[in-house]
Amino acid sequence: MGFKKGINALFFRMNNCNHKFDLVKNNTTNKYEMILKDGTIINENRIAEYLI
């Protein structure tokens, strides 16, 4: 079970965690959001400091 979850996490990262993202500032919340190529929105508290 743990191995399968690890493989799923690896594939998710390979498909989504790459240079194909947009970093935008949400004017409503005044915080940054990262939009991945599949449309997933990552909140500022989960984005690495060096990207902001």
PDB file of N, CA and C in Angstrom:
ATOM      1  N   MET A   1       0.818  -1.188   0.000  1.00  0.00           N
ATOM      2  CA  MET A   1       0.000   0.000   0.000  1.00  0.00           C
ATOM      3  C   MET A   1       0.868   1.260   0.000  1.00  0.00           C
ATOM      4  N   GLY A   2       1.914   1.301   0.813  1.00  0.00           N
ATOM      5  CA  GLY A   2       2.794   2.458   0.855  1.00  0.00           C
ATOM      6  C   GLY A   2       3.560   2.641  -0.449  1.00  0.00           C
ATOM      7  N   PHE A   3       3.975   1.531  -1.051  1.00  0.00           N
ATOM      8  CA  PHE A   3       4.700   1.595  -2.319  1.00  0.00           C
ATOM      9  C   PHE A   3       3.828   2.192  -3.415  1.00  0.00           C
ATOM     10  N   LYS A   4       2.571   1.768  -3.474  1.00  0.00           N
ATOM     11  CA  LYS A   4       1.653   2.262  -4.495  1.00  0.00           C
ATOM     12  C   LYS A   4       1.403   3.763  -4.312  1.00  0.00           C
ATOM     13  N   LYS A   5       1.232   4.213  -3.070  1.00  0.00           N
ATOM     14  CA  LYS A   5       1.036   5.643  -2.811  1.00  0.00           C
ATOM     15  C   LYS A   5       2.277   6.427  -3.209  1.00  0.00           C
ATOM     16  N   GLY A   6       3.448   5.877  -2.951  1.00  0.00           N
ATOM     17  CA  GLY A   6       4.692   6.532  -3.336  1.00  0.00           C
ATOM     18  C   GLY A   6       4.830   6.664  -4.845  1.00  0.00           C
ATOM     19  N   ILE A   7       4.483   5.622  -5.566  1.00  0.00           N
ATOM     20  CA  ILE A   7       4.532   5.660  -7.029  1.00  0.00           C
ATOM     21  C   ILE A   7       3.527   6.682  -7.564  1.00  0.00           C
ATOM     22  N   ASN A   8       2.329   6.711  -6.979  1.00  0.00           N
ATOM     23  CA  ASN A   8       1.323   7.692  -7.398  1.00  0.00           C
ATOM     24  C   ASN A   8       1.823   9.118  -7.156  1.00  0.00           C
ATOM     25  N   ALA A   9       2.461   9.360  -6.021  1.00  0.00           N
ATOM     26  CA  ALA A   9       3.007  10.688  -5.719  1.00  0.00           C
ATOM     27  C   ALA A   9       4.113  11.049  -6.708  1.00  0.00           C
ATOM     28  N   LEU A  10       4.944  10.085  -7.048  1.00  0.00           N
ATOM     29  CA  LEU A  10       6.016  10.319  -8.017  1.00  0.00           C
ATOM     30  C   LEU A  10       5.447  10.722  -9.377  1.00  0.00           C
ATOM     31  N   PHE A  11       4.445   9.983  -9.857  1.00  0.00           N
ATOM     32  CA  PHE A  11       3.837  10.314 -11.145  1.00  0.00           C
ATOM     33  C   PHE A  11       3.149  11.670 -11.106  1.00  0.00           C
ATOM     34  N   PHE A  12       2.489  11.997  -9.984  1.00  0.00           N
ATOM     35  CA  PHE A  12       1.857  13.309  -9.860  1.00  0.00           C
ATOM     36  C   PHE A  12       2.907  14.404  -9.980  1.00  0.00           C
ATOM     37  N   ARG A  13       4.017  14.242  -9.297  1.00  0.00           N
ATOM     38  CA  ARG A  13       5.075  15.251  -9.353  1.00  0.00           C
ATOM     39  C   ARG A  13       5.711  15.341 -10.735  1.00  0.00           C
ATOM     40  N   MET A  14       5.888  14.214 -11.384  1.00  0.00           N
ATOM     41  CA  MET A  14       6.470  14.231 -12.721  1.00  0.00           C
ATOM     42  C   MET A  14       5.550  14.952 -13.707  1.00  0.00           C
ATOM     43  N   ASN A  15       4.248  14.816 -13.522  1.00  0.00           N
ATOM     44  CA  ASN A  15       3.293  15.424 -14.442  1.00  0.00           C
ATOM     45  C   ASN A  15       2.958  16.871 -14.106  1.00  0.00           C
ATOM     46  N   ASN A  16       3.128  17.270 -12.851  1.00  0.00           N
ATOM     47  CA  ASN A  16       2.653  18.579 -12.438  1.00  0.00           C
ATOM     48  C   ASN A  16       3.729  19.503 -11.875  1.00  0.00           C
ATOM     49  N   CYS A  17       4.745  18.989 -11.279  1.00  0.00           N
ATOM     50  CA  CYS A  17       5.752  19.827 -10.621  1.00  0.00           C
ATOM     51  C   CYS A  17       6.935  20.032 -11.550  1.00  0.00           C
ATOM     52  N   ASN A  18       6.771  20.923 -12.491  1.00  0.00           N
ATOM     53  CA  ASN A  18       7.835  21.221 -13.432  1.00  0.00           C
ATOM     54  C   ASN A  18       7.748  22.690 -13.800  1.00  0.00           C
ATOM     55  N   HIS A  19       8.452  23.104 -14.804  1.00  0.00           N
ATOM     56  CA  HIS A  19       8.508  24.506 -15.182  1.00  0.00           C
ATOM     57  C   HIS A  19       7.222  25.022 -15.812  1.00  0.00           C
ATOM     58  N   LYS A  20       6.258  24.196 -16.002  1.00  0.00           N
ATOM     59  CA  LYS A  20       5.012  24.622 -16.637  1.00  0.00           C
ATOM     60  C   LYS A  20       4.001  25.046 -15.572  1.00  0.00           C
ATOM     61  N   PHE A  21       4.228  26.230 -15.010  1.00  0.00           N
ATOM     62  CA  PHE A  21       3.300  26.771 -14.025  1.00  0.00           C
ATOM     63  C   PHE A  21       3.274  28.281 -14.155  1.00  0.00           C
ATOM     64  N   ASP A  22       2.233  28.880 -13.614  1.00  0.00           N
ATOM     65  CA  ASP A  22       2.117  30.333 -13.554  1.00  0.00           C
ATOM     66  C   ASP A  22       2.056  30.731 -12.096  1.00  0.00           C
ATOM     67  N   LEU A  23       2.788  31.763 -11.750  1.00  0.00           N
ATOM     68  CA  LEU A  23       2.767  32.308 -10.398  1.00  0.00           C
ATOM     69  C   LEU A  23       2.055  33.650 -10.477  1.00  0.00           C
ATOM     70  N   VAL A  24       0.905  33.735  -9.827  1.00  0.00           N
ATOM     71  CA  VAL A  24       0.089  34.949  -9.897  1.00  0.00           C
ATOM     72  C   VAL A  24      -0.240  35.436  -8.490  1.00  0.00           C
ATOM     73  N   LYS A  25      -0.486  36.733  -8.381  1.00  0.00           N
ATOM     74  CA  LYS A  25      -0.904  37.300  -7.106  1.00  0.00           C
ATOM     75  C   LYS A  25      -2.412  37.484  -7.133  1.00  0.00           C
ATOM     76  N   ASN A  26      -3.091  36.889  -6.168  1.00  0.00           N
ATOM     77  CA  ASN A  26      -4.534  36.999  -6.048  1.00  0.00           C
ATOM     78  C   ASN A  26      -4.850  38.346  -5.408  1.00  0.00           C
ATOM     79  N   ASN A  27      -5.500  39.227  -6.144  1.00  0.00           N
ATOM     80  CA  ASN A  27      -5.794  40.562  -5.632  1.00  0.00           C
ATOM     81  C   ASN A  27      -6.829  40.556  -4.514  1.00  0.00           C
ATOM     82  N   THR A  28      -7.651  39.539  -4.448  1.00  0.00           N
ATOM     83  CA  THR A  28      -8.661  39.449  -3.395  1.00  0.00           C
ATOM     84  C   THR A  28      -8.024  39.128  -2.049  1.00  0.00           C
ATOM     85  N   THR A  29      -7.112  38.132  -2.040  1.00  0.00           N
ATOM     86  CA  THR A  29      -6.473  37.716  -0.789  1.00  0.00           C
ATOM     87  C   THR A  29      -5.112  38.360  -0.585  1.00  0.00           C
ATOM     88  N   ASN A  30      -4.586  39.011  -1.638  1.00  0.00           N
ATOM     89  CA  ASN A  30      -3.258  39.639  -1.600  1.00  0.00           C
ATOM     90  C   ASN A  30      -2.150  38.620  -1.330  1.00  0.00           C
ATOM     91  N   LYS A  31      -2.347  37.376  -1.801  1.00  0.00           N
ATOM     92  CA  LYS A  31      -1.354  36.316  -1.645  1.00  0.00           C
ATOM     93  C   LYS A  31      -1.066  35.701  -3.013  1.00  0.00           C
ATOM     94  N   TYR A  32       0.099  35.082  -3.124  1.00  0.00           N
ATOM     95  CA  TYR A  32       0.490  34.429  -4.375  1.00  0.00           C
ATOM     96  C   TYR A  32      -0.139  33.047  -4.480  1.00  0.00           C
ATOM     97  N   GLU A  33      -0.408  32.640  -5.704  1.00  0.00           N
ATOM     98  CA  GLU A  33      -0.897  31.304  -6.007  1.00  0.00           C
ATOM     99  C   GLU A  33      -0.124  30.764  -7.203  1.00  0.00           C
ATOM    100  N   MET A  34       0.151  29.478  -7.179  1.00  0.00           N
ATOM    101  CA  MET A  34       0.812  28.813  -8.294  1.00  0.00           C
ATOM    102  C   MET A  34      -0.233  27.963  -9.006  1.00  0.00           C
ATOM    103  N   ILE A  35      -0.377  28.178 -10.292  1.00  0.00           N
ATOM    104  CA  ILE A  35      -1.333  27.418 -11.087  1.00  0.00           C
ATOM    105  C   ILE A  35      -0.546  26.434 -11.945  1.00  0.00           C
ATOM    106  N   LEU A  36      -0.737  25.143 -11.688  1.00  0.00           N
ATOM    107  CA  LEU A  36      -0.030  24.101 -12.421  1.00  0.00           C
ATOM    108  C   LEU A  36      -0.686  23.890 -13.774  1.00  0.00           C
ATOM    109  N   LYS A  37      -0.005  23.157 -14.645  1.00  0.00           N
ATOM    110  CA  LYS A  37      -0.490  22.987 -16.014  1.00  0.00           C
ATOM    111  C   LYS A  37      -1.818  22.239 -16.078  1.00  0.00           C
ATOM    112  N   ASP A  38      -2.162  21.465 -15.049  1.00  0.00           N
ATOM    113  CA  ASP A  38      -3.450  20.761 -15.053  1.00  0.00           C
ATOM    114  C   ASP A  38      -4.561  21.578 -14.407  1.00  0.00           C
ATOM    115  N   GLY A  39      -4.250  22.818 -13.991  1.00  0.00           N
ATOM    116  CA  GLY A  39      -5.255  23.682 -13.392  1.00  0.00           C
ATOM    117  C   GLY A  39      -5.282  23.662 -11.876  1.00  0.00           C
ATOM    118  N   THR A  40      -4.472  22.820 -11.245  1.00  0.00           N
ATOM    119  CA  THR A  40      -4.401  22.774  -9.792  1.00  0.00           C
ATOM    120  C   THR A  40      -3.833  24.084  -9.271  1.00  0.00           C
ATOM    121  N   ILE A  41      -4.445  24.616  -8.216  1.00  0.00           N
ATOM    122  CA  ILE A  41      -3.981  25.865  -7.619  1.00  0.00           C
ATOM    123  C   ILE A  41      -3.308  25.547  -6.292  1.00  0.00           C
ATOM    124  N   ILE A  42      -2.056  25.995  -6.147  1.00  0.00           N
ATOM    125  CA  ILE A  42      -1.275  25.790  -4.939  1.00  0.00           C
ATOM    126  C   ILE A  42      -1.231  27.116  -4.183  1.00  0.00           C
ATOM    127  N   ASN A  43      -1.607  27.090  -2.907  1.00  0.00           N
ATOM    128  CA  ASN A  43      -1.605  28.302  -2.090  1.00  0.00           C
ATOM    129  C   ASN A  43      -0.187  28.721  -1.717  1.00  0.00           C
ATOM    130  N   GLU A  44      -0.047  30.004  -1.359  1.00  0.00           N
ATOM    131  CA  GLU A  44       1.259  30.599  -1.061  1.00  0.00           C
ATOM    132  C   GLU A  44       2.022  29.864   0.042  1.00  0.00           C
ATOM    133  N   ASN A  45       1.314  29.353   1.046  1.00  0.00           N
ATOM    134  CA  ASN A  45       1.998  28.661   2.153  1.00  0.00           C
ATOM    135  C   ASN A  45       2.627  27.334   1.728  1.00  0.00           C
ATOM    136  N   ARG A  46       2.327  26.839   0.526  1.00  0.00           N
ATOM    137  CA  ARG A  46       2.920  25.594   0.033  1.00  0.00           C
ATOM    138  C   ARG A  46       3.923  25.828  -1.083  1.00  0.00           C
ATOM    139  N   ILE A  47       4.217  27.111  -1.397  1.00  0.00           N
ATOM    140  CA  ILE A  47       5.157  27.459  -2.455  1.00  0.00           C
ATOM    141  C   ILE A  47       6.512  27.788  -1.832  1.00  0.00           C
ATOM    142  N   ALA A  48       7.584  27.295  -2.426  1.00  0.00           N
ATOM    143  CA  ALA A  48       8.940  27.555  -1.916  1.00  0.00           C
ATOM    144  C   ALA A  48       9.233  29.056  -1.953  1.00  0.00           C
ATOM    145  N   GLU A  49       9.913  29.541  -0.927  1.00  0.00           N
ATOM    146  CA  GLU A  49      10.226  30.974  -0.797  1.00  0.00           C
ATOM    147  C   GLU A  49      10.976  31.521  -2.010  1.00  0.00           C
ATOM    148  N   TYR A  50      11.889  30.747  -2.579  1.00  0.00           N
ATOM    149  CA  TYR A  50      12.708  31.263  -3.673  1.00  0.00           C
ATOM    150  C   TYR A  50      11.894  31.491  -4.952  1.00  0.00           C
ATOM    151  N   LEU A  51      10.683  30.954  -5.032  1.00  0.00           N
ATOM    152  CA  LEU A  51       9.842  31.156  -6.201  1.00  0.00           C
ATOM    153  C   LEU A  51       8.971  32.415  -6.088  1.00  0.00           C
ATOM    154  N   ILE A  52       8.795  32.877  -4.870  1.00  0.00           N
ATOM    155  CA  ILE A  52       7.905  34.032  -4.656  1.00  0.00           C
ATOM    156  C   ILE A  52       8.636  35.317  -4.868  1.00  0.00           C
TER     157      ILE A  52
END
